[in-house]
Amino acid sequence: MTLTCQLLSVNVAQARHVTIDGRQILTAIDKHPISSLEDPRRITVGPLGLEGDEQADPTVHGGQAKAVYAYPHEHYAFWQTVRAQAGKAGWDDTANPGLLGENLTITGLLETDAYIGDVLRFPDCSLAVSEPRHPCYKFEAKLFRQASKMMVQSAFCGFYLAVRRGGTIAAGEHFEIVPGPREVSIRDLFRDQMSRKKL
C-alpha cells in the first residue's frame, strides 16, 4: 500500500478505581503518553501488549487478539469539537494523545483502509489488525454522555492489533501496511456489529 503512516504517540495506563454512576470501577482507559515526538523513547512490545500498560477487564480488552489499541489522530478534531459542544472541554483546548484510551496514536491509516489481517510493519515489530473497538460505559464516562452513540454514528472506532512479531516501538516511527486478505474493513465490520447491538 502507498499510505504514509506514522506513529505519533505511545500511551499506557495502570488500572485504577474510579467512580462511575456511584460505583467503584476498575479501569485503565486513562492512557498517557510515554513515547512522543518530543521524547521518542523505545517501548517493549510483547505478546500481550506494551510495557507498562494494563487492561482492567481482559474479557473486553486485552489478550492476544486485542493486545494493542490504535486510533487515528485524524479523528481528534471531531472529538474535540463534540466534547466542546457537550461542555466537557474548551473550544481552544488541545486533546492529549490517549484521549480515546488508545495505546498507539497514529496517522495515515483510517478505519476505511484498515482491513482484518493487515499487518502494520514497524522497524522492530509487526502488529496485525484484528478487530474494531466497541464503545463502552467507561469510554462514555471519560468523554461525555452520548459519546458511544457518536462513535457508532461516525464509525471512528479505531482498531485492535495482535502482536505478530514482538520487539520495541517508538513515537516518530513510520510503518508499512502489509495487506492481508482484504475481505472486510474495520469500518464495515464495526458498522455491521453495531447494527446488531442496541446502545
N, C-alpha and C. Protein backbone atom coordinates (compact mmCIF):
# COMPACT_ATOMS: atom_id res chain seq x y z
N MET A 1 0.84 -1.19 0.00
CA MET A 1 0.00 0.00 0.00
C MET A 1 0.88 1.25 0.00
N THR A 2 0.36 2.34 -0.52
CA THR A 2 1.16 3.55 -0.65
C THR A 2 0.82 4.61 0.40
N LEU A 3 0.12 4.23 1.46
CA LEU A 3 -0.21 5.18 2.52
C LEU A 3 1.04 5.60 3.26
N THR A 4 1.08 6.86 3.69
CA THR A 4 2.17 7.34 4.54
C THR A 4 1.68 7.31 5.98
N CYS A 5 2.17 6.36 6.74
CA CYS A 5 1.66 6.13 8.09
C CYS A 5 2.76 6.37 9.12
N GLN A 6 2.36 6.98 10.24
CA GLN A 6 3.34 7.29 11.28
C GLN A 6 2.72 7.10 12.66
N LEU A 7 3.56 6.70 13.59
CA LEU A 7 3.18 6.59 14.99
C LEU A 7 3.50 7.92 15.68
N LEU A 8 2.50 8.58 16.21
CA LEU A 8 2.69 9.88 16.86
C LEU A 8 2.96 9.77 18.35
N SER A 9 2.36 8.76 18.99
CA SER A 9 2.50 8.65 20.44
C SER A 9 2.22 7.23 20.89
N VAL A 10 2.94 6.79 21.93
CA VAL A 10 2.68 5.51 22.59
C VAL A 10 2.15 5.83 23.97
N ASN A 11 0.98 5.26 24.30
CA ASN A 11 0.26 5.63 25.52
C ASN A 11 -0.08 4.40 26.37
N VAL A 12 0.10 4.53 27.67
CA VAL A 12 -0.19 3.42 28.58
C VAL A 12 -0.89 3.94 29.82
N ALA A 13 -1.42 3.01 30.61
CA ALA A 13 -2.01 3.35 31.91
C ALA A 13 -2.01 2.11 32.79
N GLN A 14 -1.95 2.34 34.08
CA GLN A 14 -2.16 1.30 35.07
C GLN A 14 -3.64 1.30 35.45
N ALA A 15 -4.18 0.15 35.73
CA ALA A 15 -5.58 0.06 36.14
C ALA A 15 -5.76 0.73 37.50
N ARG A 16 -6.85 1.49 37.63
CA ARG A 16 -7.17 2.15 38.90
C ARG A 16 -8.68 2.23 39.06
N HIS A 17 -9.11 2.44 40.29
CA HIS A 17 -10.53 2.54 40.57
C HIS A 17 -11.01 3.97 40.38
N VAL A 18 -12.12 4.12 39.68
CA VAL A 18 -12.79 5.40 39.51
C VAL A 18 -14.27 5.20 39.84
N THR A 19 -14.95 6.30 40.12
CA THR A 19 -16.37 6.23 40.42
C THR A 19 -17.18 6.57 39.16
N ILE A 20 -18.01 5.63 38.73
CA ILE A 20 -18.88 5.83 37.58
C ILE A 20 -20.30 5.48 38.02
N ASP A 21 -21.19 6.46 37.93
CA ASP A 21 -22.59 6.27 38.33
C ASP A 21 -22.69 5.70 39.75
N GLY A 22 -21.83 6.22 40.63
CA GLY A 22 -21.90 5.82 42.04
C GLY A 22 -21.24 4.50 42.36
N ARG A 23 -20.62 3.86 41.36
CA ARG A 23 -19.96 2.58 41.59
C ARG A 23 -18.46 2.71 41.40
N GLN A 24 -17.70 1.96 42.19
CA GLN A 24 -16.26 1.90 42.02
C GLN A 24 -15.93 0.92 40.90
N ILE A 25 -15.28 1.42 39.85
CA ILE A 25 -14.99 0.62 38.66
C ILE A 25 -13.48 0.63 38.43
N LEU A 26 -12.93 -0.54 38.14
CA LEU A 26 -11.51 -0.65 37.78
C LEU A 26 -11.35 -0.39 36.29
N THR A 27 -10.48 0.54 35.93
CA THR A 27 -10.29 0.88 34.53
C THR A 27 -8.86 1.34 34.27
N ALA A 28 -8.42 1.16 33.03
CA ALA A 28 -7.12 1.66 32.57
C ALA A 28 -7.30 2.47 31.30
N ILE A 29 -8.48 3.10 31.16
CA ILE A 29 -8.78 3.85 29.94
C ILE A 29 -8.04 5.19 29.87
N ASP A 30 -7.57 5.66 31.02
CA ASP A 30 -6.95 6.99 31.07
C ASP A 30 -5.47 6.91 30.67
N LYS A 31 -5.22 6.66 29.38
CA LYS A 31 -3.85 6.48 28.89
C LYS A 31 -3.11 7.82 28.82
N HIS A 32 -1.81 7.75 29.02
CA HIS A 32 -0.97 8.94 28.91
C HIS A 32 0.28 8.58 28.10
N PRO A 33 0.83 9.57 27.38
CA PRO A 33 1.99 9.28 26.51
C PRO A 33 3.25 8.96 27.32
N ILE A 34 3.95 7.92 26.89
CA ILE A 34 5.27 7.63 27.45
C ILE A 34 6.35 7.66 26.36
N SER A 35 5.92 7.76 25.12
CA SER A 35 6.84 7.94 24.00
C SER A 35 6.16 8.91 23.04
N SER A 36 6.78 10.06 22.81
CA SER A 36 6.18 11.10 21.99
C SER A 36 7.18 11.59 20.95
N LEU A 37 6.72 12.45 20.04
CA LEU A 37 7.64 13.01 19.05
C LEU A 37 8.74 13.81 19.72
N GLU A 38 8.42 14.43 20.86
CA GLU A 38 9.42 15.21 21.60
C GLU A 38 10.36 14.33 22.41
N ASP A 39 9.89 13.16 22.81
CA ASP A 39 10.69 12.23 23.63
C ASP A 39 10.42 10.81 23.15
N PRO A 40 11.03 10.42 22.02
CA PRO A 40 10.70 9.13 21.38
C PRO A 40 11.43 7.94 22.00
N ARG A 41 11.18 7.69 23.27
CA ARG A 41 11.82 6.54 23.92
C ARG A 41 11.20 5.24 23.41
N ARG A 42 12.01 4.20 23.41
CA ARG A 42 11.56 2.91 22.89
C ARG A 42 10.80 2.14 23.97
N ILE A 43 9.69 1.53 23.55
CA ILE A 43 8.82 0.78 24.46
C ILE A 43 8.76 -0.67 23.99
N THR A 44 8.89 -1.60 24.92
CA THR A 44 8.84 -3.02 24.58
C THR A 44 7.42 -3.45 24.24
N VAL A 45 7.30 -4.24 23.18
CA VAL A 45 6.02 -4.80 22.75
C VAL A 45 6.10 -6.32 22.90
N GLY A 46 5.25 -6.86 23.78
CA GLY A 46 5.22 -8.31 23.99
C GLY A 46 3.93 -8.90 23.47
N PRO A 47 3.74 -10.20 23.61
CA PRO A 47 2.55 -10.87 23.08
C PRO A 47 1.23 -10.32 23.61
N LEU A 48 1.25 -9.78 24.83
CA LEU A 48 0.01 -9.29 25.44
C LEU A 48 -0.06 -7.77 25.51
N GLY A 49 0.87 -7.09 24.83
CA GLY A 49 0.76 -5.63 24.78
C GLY A 49 2.05 -4.90 25.10
N LEU A 50 1.88 -3.66 25.55
CA LEU A 50 3.00 -2.76 25.75
C LEU A 50 3.52 -2.80 27.18
N GLU A 51 4.82 -2.63 27.31
CA GLU A 51 5.44 -2.49 28.62
C GLU A 51 4.79 -1.33 29.38
N GLY A 52 4.37 -1.61 30.61
CA GLY A 52 3.80 -0.56 31.45
C GLY A 52 2.31 -0.34 31.29
N ASP A 53 1.66 -1.13 30.43
CA ASP A 53 0.23 -0.95 30.21
C ASP A 53 -0.55 -2.09 30.86
N GLU A 54 -1.74 -1.75 31.35
CA GLU A 54 -2.61 -2.77 31.92
C GLU A 54 -3.99 -2.69 31.27
N GLN A 55 -4.71 -3.80 31.31
CA GLN A 55 -6.12 -3.83 30.92
C GLN A 55 -6.91 -4.28 32.15
N ALA A 56 -7.91 -3.49 32.51
CA ALA A 56 -8.65 -3.77 33.73
C ALA A 56 -9.61 -4.94 33.58
N ASP A 57 -10.17 -5.11 32.39
CA ASP A 57 -11.16 -6.16 32.16
C ASP A 57 -10.75 -6.96 30.93
N PRO A 58 -9.99 -8.02 31.11
CA PRO A 58 -9.49 -8.80 29.96
C PRO A 58 -10.58 -9.51 29.17
N THR A 59 -11.81 -9.54 29.68
CA THR A 59 -12.89 -10.13 28.89
C THR A 59 -13.31 -9.19 27.77
N VAL A 60 -12.96 -7.90 27.88
CA VAL A 60 -13.36 -6.90 26.90
C VAL A 60 -12.15 -6.35 26.13
N HIS A 61 -11.07 -6.07 26.87
CA HIS A 61 -9.86 -5.53 26.27
C HIS A 61 -8.69 -6.42 26.65
N GLY A 62 -7.71 -6.51 25.77
CA GLY A 62 -6.52 -7.28 26.09
C GLY A 62 -6.57 -8.70 25.55
N GLY A 63 -5.60 -9.49 25.97
CA GLY A 63 -5.45 -10.83 25.40
C GLY A 63 -4.65 -10.74 24.11
N GLN A 64 -4.36 -11.86 23.53
CA GLN A 64 -3.51 -11.88 22.34
C GLN A 64 -4.16 -11.20 21.14
N ALA A 65 -5.47 -11.32 20.98
CA ALA A 65 -6.12 -10.73 19.81
C ALA A 65 -6.29 -9.22 19.94
N LYS A 66 -6.33 -8.71 21.17
CA LYS A 66 -6.55 -7.28 21.42
C LYS A 66 -5.45 -6.73 22.32
N ALA A 67 -4.21 -7.04 21.98
CA ALA A 67 -3.08 -6.66 22.82
C ALA A 67 -2.82 -5.16 22.80
N VAL A 68 -3.07 -4.52 21.66
CA VAL A 68 -2.75 -3.10 21.47
C VAL A 68 -3.93 -2.44 20.76
N TYR A 69 -4.25 -1.21 21.17
CA TYR A 69 -5.35 -0.48 20.55
C TYR A 69 -4.78 0.76 19.85
N ALA A 70 -5.07 0.89 18.56
CA ALA A 70 -4.57 2.02 17.76
C ALA A 70 -5.74 2.93 17.38
N TYR A 71 -5.46 4.24 17.35
CA TYR A 71 -6.50 5.20 17.00
C TYR A 71 -5.94 6.28 16.08
N PRO A 72 -6.67 6.60 14.99
CA PRO A 72 -6.19 7.62 14.06
C PRO A 72 -6.31 9.03 14.63
N HIS A 73 -5.22 9.76 14.59
CA HIS A 73 -5.22 11.14 15.07
C HIS A 73 -6.12 12.03 14.23
N GLU A 74 -6.39 11.64 13.00
CA GLU A 74 -7.25 12.42 12.12
C GLU A 74 -8.63 12.67 12.72
N HIS A 75 -9.08 11.81 13.63
CA HIS A 75 -10.41 11.97 14.24
C HIS A 75 -10.40 12.89 15.45
N TYR A 76 -9.24 13.31 15.90
CA TYR A 76 -9.17 14.11 17.13
C TYR A 76 -9.93 15.42 17.01
N ALA A 77 -9.90 16.07 15.84
CA ALA A 77 -10.62 17.34 15.68
C ALA A 77 -12.12 17.13 15.90
N PHE A 78 -12.65 16.01 15.40
CA PHE A 78 -14.06 15.68 15.61
C PHE A 78 -14.37 15.57 17.10
N TRP A 79 -13.55 14.81 17.83
CA TRP A 79 -13.82 14.60 19.25
C TRP A 79 -13.63 15.88 20.06
N GLN A 80 -12.68 16.71 19.68
CA GLN A 80 -12.51 17.99 20.37
C GLN A 80 -13.74 18.86 20.18
N THR A 81 -14.31 18.86 18.98
CA THR A 81 -15.49 19.66 18.71
C THR A 81 -16.70 19.18 19.50
N VAL A 82 -16.97 17.87 19.47
CA VAL A 82 -18.16 17.37 20.15
C VAL A 82 -17.99 17.43 21.67
N ARG A 83 -16.77 17.31 22.18
CA ARG A 83 -16.55 17.49 23.62
C ARG A 83 -16.80 18.93 24.03
N ALA A 84 -16.39 19.87 23.19
CA ALA A 84 -16.65 21.28 23.49
C ALA A 84 -18.15 21.56 23.44
N GLN A 85 -18.84 20.99 22.47
CA GLN A 85 -20.30 21.16 22.38
C GLN A 85 -21.00 20.59 23.60
N ALA A 86 -20.43 19.51 24.15
CA ALA A 86 -21.02 18.88 25.33
C ALA A 86 -20.60 19.57 26.63
N GLY A 87 -19.76 20.60 26.53
CA GLY A 87 -19.30 21.31 27.71
C GLY A 87 -18.25 20.57 28.52
N LYS A 88 -17.59 19.57 27.91
CA LYS A 88 -16.58 18.78 28.61
C LYS A 88 -15.16 19.24 28.30
N ALA A 89 -15.01 20.22 27.42
CA ALA A 89 -13.70 20.77 27.07
C ALA A 89 -13.92 22.16 26.49
N GLY A 90 -12.88 22.99 26.56
CA GLY A 90 -12.97 24.31 25.95
C GLY A 90 -12.76 24.22 24.45
N TRP A 91 -13.29 25.21 23.74
CA TRP A 91 -13.18 25.20 22.27
C TRP A 91 -11.73 25.26 21.81
N ASP A 92 -10.86 25.86 22.58
CA ASP A 92 -9.46 26.00 22.19
C ASP A 92 -8.56 24.97 22.86
N ASP A 93 -9.14 24.05 23.61
CA ASP A 93 -8.33 23.03 24.28
C ASP A 93 -7.68 22.11 23.26
N THR A 94 -6.51 21.63 23.59
CA THR A 94 -5.83 20.64 22.77
C THR A 94 -5.91 19.29 23.47
N ALA A 95 -6.42 18.30 22.80
CA ALA A 95 -6.55 16.97 23.39
C ALA A 95 -5.21 16.25 23.34
N ASN A 96 -4.85 15.64 24.45
CA ASN A 96 -3.60 14.89 24.52
C ASN A 96 -3.76 13.50 23.93
N PRO A 97 -2.69 12.94 23.35
CA PRO A 97 -2.75 11.55 22.88
C PRO A 97 -3.19 10.63 24.01
N GLY A 98 -3.96 9.61 23.66
CA GLY A 98 -4.52 8.71 24.64
C GLY A 98 -5.94 9.07 25.02
N LEU A 99 -6.47 10.16 24.47
CA LEU A 99 -7.82 10.63 24.80
C LEU A 99 -8.87 9.54 24.63
N LEU A 100 -8.74 8.74 23.58
CA LEU A 100 -9.73 7.70 23.29
C LEU A 100 -9.39 6.37 23.98
N GLY A 101 -8.38 6.40 24.84
CA GLY A 101 -7.97 5.18 25.52
C GLY A 101 -7.05 4.32 24.69
N GLU A 102 -6.50 4.92 23.62
CA GLU A 102 -5.66 4.14 22.71
C GLU A 102 -4.22 4.03 23.20
N ASN A 103 -3.59 2.92 22.82
CA ASN A 103 -2.16 2.73 23.08
C ASN A 103 -1.29 3.43 22.05
N LEU A 104 -1.73 3.38 20.80
CA LEU A 104 -0.96 3.98 19.71
C LEU A 104 -1.81 5.06 19.04
N THR A 105 -1.34 6.28 19.08
CA THR A 105 -1.97 7.36 18.33
C THR A 105 -1.22 7.44 17.00
N ILE A 106 -1.94 7.16 15.92
CA ILE A 106 -1.29 7.04 14.61
C ILE A 106 -1.87 8.05 13.63
N THR A 107 -1.22 8.19 12.51
CA THR A 107 -1.75 9.00 11.43
C THR A 107 -1.50 8.27 10.12
N GLY A 108 -2.43 8.45 9.17
CA GLY A 108 -2.25 7.86 7.84
C GLY A 108 -3.04 6.60 7.58
N LEU A 109 -3.64 6.00 8.60
CA LEU A 109 -4.40 4.77 8.41
C LEU A 109 -5.74 4.89 9.12
N LEU A 110 -6.81 5.01 8.33
CA LEU A 110 -8.16 5.14 8.87
C LEU A 110 -8.89 3.79 8.83
N GLU A 111 -10.05 3.75 9.46
CA GLU A 111 -10.84 2.52 9.52
C GLU A 111 -11.28 2.05 8.14
N THR A 112 -11.42 2.97 7.20
CA THR A 112 -11.82 2.59 5.84
C THR A 112 -10.71 1.85 5.10
N ASP A 113 -9.46 2.08 5.50
CA ASP A 113 -8.31 1.49 4.81
C ASP A 113 -7.66 0.36 5.59
N ALA A 114 -8.08 0.15 6.84
CA ALA A 114 -7.54 -0.94 7.66
C ALA A 114 -8.45 -2.15 7.55
N TYR A 115 -7.90 -3.27 7.13
CA TYR A 115 -8.66 -4.49 6.93
C TYR A 115 -8.19 -5.57 7.92
N ILE A 116 -9.12 -6.41 8.32
CA ILE A 116 -8.76 -7.53 9.20
C ILE A 116 -7.67 -8.35 8.53
N GLY A 117 -6.59 -8.58 9.25
CA GLY A 117 -5.48 -9.36 8.72
C GLY A 117 -4.35 -8.53 8.14
N ASP A 118 -4.58 -7.23 7.93
CA ASP A 118 -3.47 -6.36 7.52
C ASP A 118 -2.42 -6.33 8.62
N VAL A 119 -1.17 -6.14 8.26
CA VAL A 119 -0.09 -6.07 9.24
C VAL A 119 0.57 -4.70 9.18
N LEU A 120 0.70 -4.07 10.34
CA LEU A 120 1.44 -2.82 10.47
C LEU A 120 2.88 -3.21 10.78
N ARG A 121 3.76 -3.01 9.82
CA ARG A 121 5.15 -3.42 10.00
C ARG A 121 6.00 -2.23 10.40
N PHE A 122 6.42 -2.21 11.66
CA PHE A 122 7.30 -1.19 12.21
C PHE A 122 8.74 -1.68 12.06
N PRO A 123 9.72 -0.81 12.29
CA PRO A 123 11.10 -1.24 12.14
C PRO A 123 11.48 -2.44 13.01
N ASP A 124 10.89 -2.55 14.24
CA ASP A 124 11.33 -3.62 15.13
C ASP A 124 10.19 -4.51 15.64
N CYS A 125 8.97 -4.34 15.11
CA CYS A 125 7.87 -5.23 15.49
C CYS A 125 6.79 -5.19 14.42
N SER A 126 5.89 -6.15 14.46
CA SER A 126 4.78 -6.21 13.50
C SER A 126 3.50 -6.48 14.25
N LEU A 127 2.45 -5.71 13.92
CA LEU A 127 1.16 -5.81 14.61
C LEU A 127 0.07 -6.03 13.57
N ALA A 128 -0.81 -7.01 13.82
CA ALA A 128 -1.85 -7.37 12.85
C ALA A 128 -3.20 -6.81 13.28
N VAL A 129 -3.91 -6.20 12.33
CA VAL A 129 -5.25 -5.68 12.58
C VAL A 129 -6.18 -6.84 12.89
N SER A 130 -6.85 -6.80 14.06
CA SER A 130 -7.67 -7.95 14.47
C SER A 130 -9.16 -7.65 14.55
N GLU A 131 -9.56 -6.48 15.06
CA GLU A 131 -10.99 -6.18 15.16
C GLU A 131 -11.20 -4.73 15.56
N PRO A 132 -12.41 -4.20 15.34
CA PRO A 132 -12.70 -2.83 15.76
C PRO A 132 -12.92 -2.76 17.27
N ARG A 133 -12.73 -1.56 17.80
CA ARG A 133 -13.03 -1.32 19.21
C ARG A 133 -14.52 -0.99 19.33
N HIS A 134 -15.17 -1.50 20.36
CA HIS A 134 -16.56 -1.17 20.64
C HIS A 134 -16.61 -0.18 21.80
N PRO A 135 -17.43 0.85 21.72
CA PRO A 135 -17.53 1.79 22.84
C PRO A 135 -18.22 1.15 24.03
N CYS A 136 -17.88 1.62 25.23
CA CYS A 136 -18.45 1.07 26.45
C CYS A 136 -18.76 2.20 27.43
N TYR A 137 -19.33 1.87 28.56
CA TYR A 137 -19.72 2.89 29.53
C TYR A 137 -18.50 3.61 30.10
N LYS A 138 -17.35 2.96 30.15
CA LYS A 138 -16.14 3.63 30.64
C LYS A 138 -15.69 4.70 29.65
N PHE A 139 -15.80 4.39 28.38
CA PHE A 139 -15.48 5.35 27.33
C PHE A 139 -16.39 6.57 27.43
N GLU A 140 -17.67 6.31 27.65
CA GLU A 140 -18.64 7.40 27.76
C GLU A 140 -18.40 8.23 29.02
N ALA A 141 -18.04 7.57 30.11
CA ALA A 141 -17.77 8.29 31.35
C ALA A 141 -16.55 9.19 31.21
N LYS A 142 -15.58 8.76 30.44
CA LYS A 142 -14.38 9.57 30.26
C LYS A 142 -14.63 10.76 29.35
N LEU A 143 -15.37 10.58 28.27
CA LEU A 143 -15.56 11.65 27.29
C LEU A 143 -16.78 12.51 27.61
N PHE A 144 -17.97 11.96 27.44
CA PHE A 144 -19.22 12.68 27.73
C PHE A 144 -20.38 11.73 27.43
N ARG A 145 -21.55 12.07 27.98
CA ARG A 145 -22.74 11.28 27.67
C ARG A 145 -23.03 11.34 26.18
N GLN A 146 -23.45 10.24 25.62
CA GLN A 146 -23.74 10.09 24.20
C GLN A 146 -22.48 9.88 23.35
N ALA A 147 -21.31 9.79 23.97
CA ALA A 147 -20.08 9.57 23.19
C ALA A 147 -20.11 8.24 22.45
N SER A 148 -20.71 7.24 23.07
CA SER A 148 -20.81 5.93 22.42
C SER A 148 -21.63 6.01 21.14
N LYS A 149 -22.75 6.74 21.21
CA LYS A 149 -23.58 6.89 20.02
C LYS A 149 -22.85 7.69 18.94
N MET A 150 -22.05 8.66 19.35
CA MET A 150 -21.27 9.44 18.39
C MET A 150 -20.24 8.55 17.70
N MET A 151 -19.63 7.63 18.44
CA MET A 151 -18.67 6.73 17.84
C MET A 151 -19.37 5.80 16.85
N VAL A 152 -20.54 5.31 17.22
CA VAL A 152 -21.27 4.41 16.34
C VAL A 152 -21.68 5.13 15.06
N GLN A 153 -22.20 6.35 15.18
CA GLN A 153 -22.65 7.11 14.01
C GLN A 153 -21.49 7.46 13.07
N SER A 154 -20.34 7.81 13.64
CA SER A 154 -19.19 8.23 12.84
C SER A 154 -18.36 7.05 12.34
N ALA A 155 -18.43 5.93 13.05
CA ALA A 155 -17.56 4.76 12.81
C ALA A 155 -16.10 5.12 13.01
N PHE A 156 -15.83 6.13 13.85
CA PHE A 156 -14.46 6.50 14.22
C PHE A 156 -14.08 5.66 15.44
N CYS A 157 -13.86 4.37 15.23
CA CYS A 157 -13.71 3.43 16.34
C CYS A 157 -12.26 3.03 16.64
N GLY A 158 -11.36 3.21 15.69
CA GLY A 158 -10.02 2.68 15.87
C GLY A 158 -10.03 1.16 15.75
N PHE A 159 -8.89 0.54 16.05
CA PHE A 159 -8.83 -0.92 15.87
C PHE A 159 -7.80 -1.56 16.78
N TYR A 160 -8.11 -2.80 17.14
CA TYR A 160 -7.20 -3.60 17.95
C TYR A 160 -6.17 -4.28 17.06
N LEU A 161 -5.02 -4.55 17.68
CA LEU A 161 -3.90 -5.17 16.99
C LEU A 161 -3.39 -6.35 17.80
N ALA A 162 -3.11 -7.45 17.12
CA ALA A 162 -2.44 -8.59 17.72
C ALA A 162 -0.95 -8.47 17.40
N VAL A 163 -0.12 -8.92 18.32
CA VAL A 163 1.33 -8.82 18.13
C VAL A 163 1.79 -9.99 17.29
N ARG A 164 2.15 -9.74 16.06
CA ARG A 164 2.65 -10.77 15.16
C ARG A 164 4.13 -11.03 15.42
N ARG A 165 4.89 -9.96 15.63
CA ARG A 165 6.32 -10.08 15.96
C ARG A 165 6.65 -9.04 17.02
N GLY A 166 7.02 -9.50 18.21
CA GLY A 166 7.35 -8.60 19.30
C GLY A 166 8.68 -7.89 19.07
N GLY A 167 8.92 -6.88 19.89
CA GLY A 167 10.15 -6.11 19.78
C GLY A 167 10.02 -4.81 20.54
N THR A 168 10.36 -3.71 19.89
CA THR A 168 10.20 -2.40 20.52
C THR A 168 9.56 -1.45 19.51
N ILE A 169 9.05 -0.34 20.05
CA ILE A 169 8.35 0.64 19.23
C ILE A 169 8.63 2.03 19.81
N ALA A 170 8.60 3.05 18.97
CA ALA A 170 8.85 4.41 19.46
C ALA A 170 8.08 5.41 18.62
N ALA A 171 7.61 6.47 19.27
CA ALA A 171 6.93 7.54 18.56
C ALA A 171 7.85 8.12 17.49
N GLY A 172 7.26 8.53 16.39
CA GLY A 172 8.01 9.09 15.27
C GLY A 172 8.29 8.08 14.18
N GLU A 173 8.19 6.80 14.52
CA GLU A 173 8.46 5.77 13.51
C GLU A 173 7.36 5.74 12.45
N HIS A 174 7.76 5.47 11.23
CA HIS A 174 6.80 5.20 10.17
C HIS A 174 6.58 3.69 10.10
N PHE A 175 5.40 3.31 9.63
CA PHE A 175 5.13 1.89 9.47
C PHE A 175 4.51 1.62 8.11
N GLU A 176 4.75 0.43 7.65
CA GLU A 176 4.26 -0.03 6.35
C GLU A 176 3.05 -0.93 6.56
N ILE A 177 2.08 -0.86 5.66
CA ILE A 177 0.92 -1.75 5.71
C ILE A 177 1.19 -2.93 4.78
N VAL A 178 1.22 -4.13 5.36
CA VAL A 178 1.33 -5.35 4.57
C VAL A 178 -0.08 -5.92 4.44
N PRO A 179 -0.67 -5.88 3.24
CA PRO A 179 -2.08 -6.28 3.10
C PRO A 179 -2.32 -7.74 3.46
N GLY A 180 -3.45 -7.97 4.13
CA GLY A 180 -3.92 -9.32 4.39
C GLY A 180 -4.89 -9.73 3.29
N PRO A 181 -5.90 -10.54 3.61
CA PRO A 181 -6.86 -10.97 2.59
C PRO A 181 -7.69 -9.83 2.00
N ARG A 182 -7.83 -8.71 2.73
CA ARG A 182 -8.57 -7.52 2.27
C ARG A 182 -10.04 -7.84 2.01
N GLU A 183 -10.63 -8.64 2.88
CA GLU A 183 -12.03 -9.04 2.70
C GLU A 183 -13.01 -8.12 3.41
N VAL A 184 -12.66 -7.61 4.58
CA VAL A 184 -13.57 -6.75 5.33
C VAL A 184 -12.78 -5.66 6.04
N SER A 185 -13.23 -4.42 5.87
CA SER A 185 -12.54 -3.31 6.52
C SER A 185 -13.03 -3.16 7.95
N ILE A 186 -12.25 -2.47 8.75
CA ILE A 186 -12.64 -2.19 10.13
C ILE A 186 -13.95 -1.41 10.16
N ARG A 187 -14.11 -0.40 9.31
CA ARG A 187 -15.34 0.38 9.31
C ARG A 187 -16.56 -0.49 8.99
N ASP A 188 -16.45 -1.32 7.96
CA ASP A 188 -17.59 -2.14 7.57
C ASP A 188 -17.94 -3.17 8.65
N LEU A 189 -16.92 -3.78 9.26
CA LEU A 189 -17.18 -4.75 10.31
C LEU A 189 -17.79 -4.07 11.53
N PHE A 190 -17.27 -2.91 11.89
CA PHE A 190 -17.80 -2.16 13.03
C PHE A 190 -19.28 -1.82 12.81
N ARG A 191 -19.60 -1.30 11.64
CA ARG A 191 -20.98 -0.92 11.36
C ARG A 191 -21.90 -2.14 11.38
N ASP A 192 -21.43 -3.26 10.86
CA ASP A 192 -22.23 -4.47 10.89
C ASP A 192 -22.46 -4.94 12.33
N GLN A 193 -21.40 -4.94 13.14
CA GLN A 193 -21.52 -5.37 14.52
C GLN A 193 -22.43 -4.44 15.31
N MET A 194 -22.29 -3.13 15.11
CA MET A 194 -23.09 -2.17 15.88
C MET A 194 -24.56 -2.19 15.46
N SER A 195 -24.84 -2.58 14.21
CA SER A 195 -26.23 -2.66 13.77
C SER A 195 -26.97 -3.77 14.50
N ARG A 196 -26.23 -4.69 15.09
CA ARG A 196 -26.83 -5.81 15.82
C ARG A 196 -26.98 -5.51 17.31
N LYS A 197 -26.42 -4.37 17.75
CA LYS A 197 -26.46 -4.01 19.16
C LYS A 197 -27.41 -2.83 19.37
N LYS A 198 -27.88 -2.69 20.60
CA LYS A 198 -28.68 -1.52 20.96
C LYS A 198 -27.92 -0.75 22.03
N LEU A 199 -27.51 0.48 21.71
CA LEU A 199 -26.79 1.30 22.68
C LEU A 199 -27.75 2.14 23.49
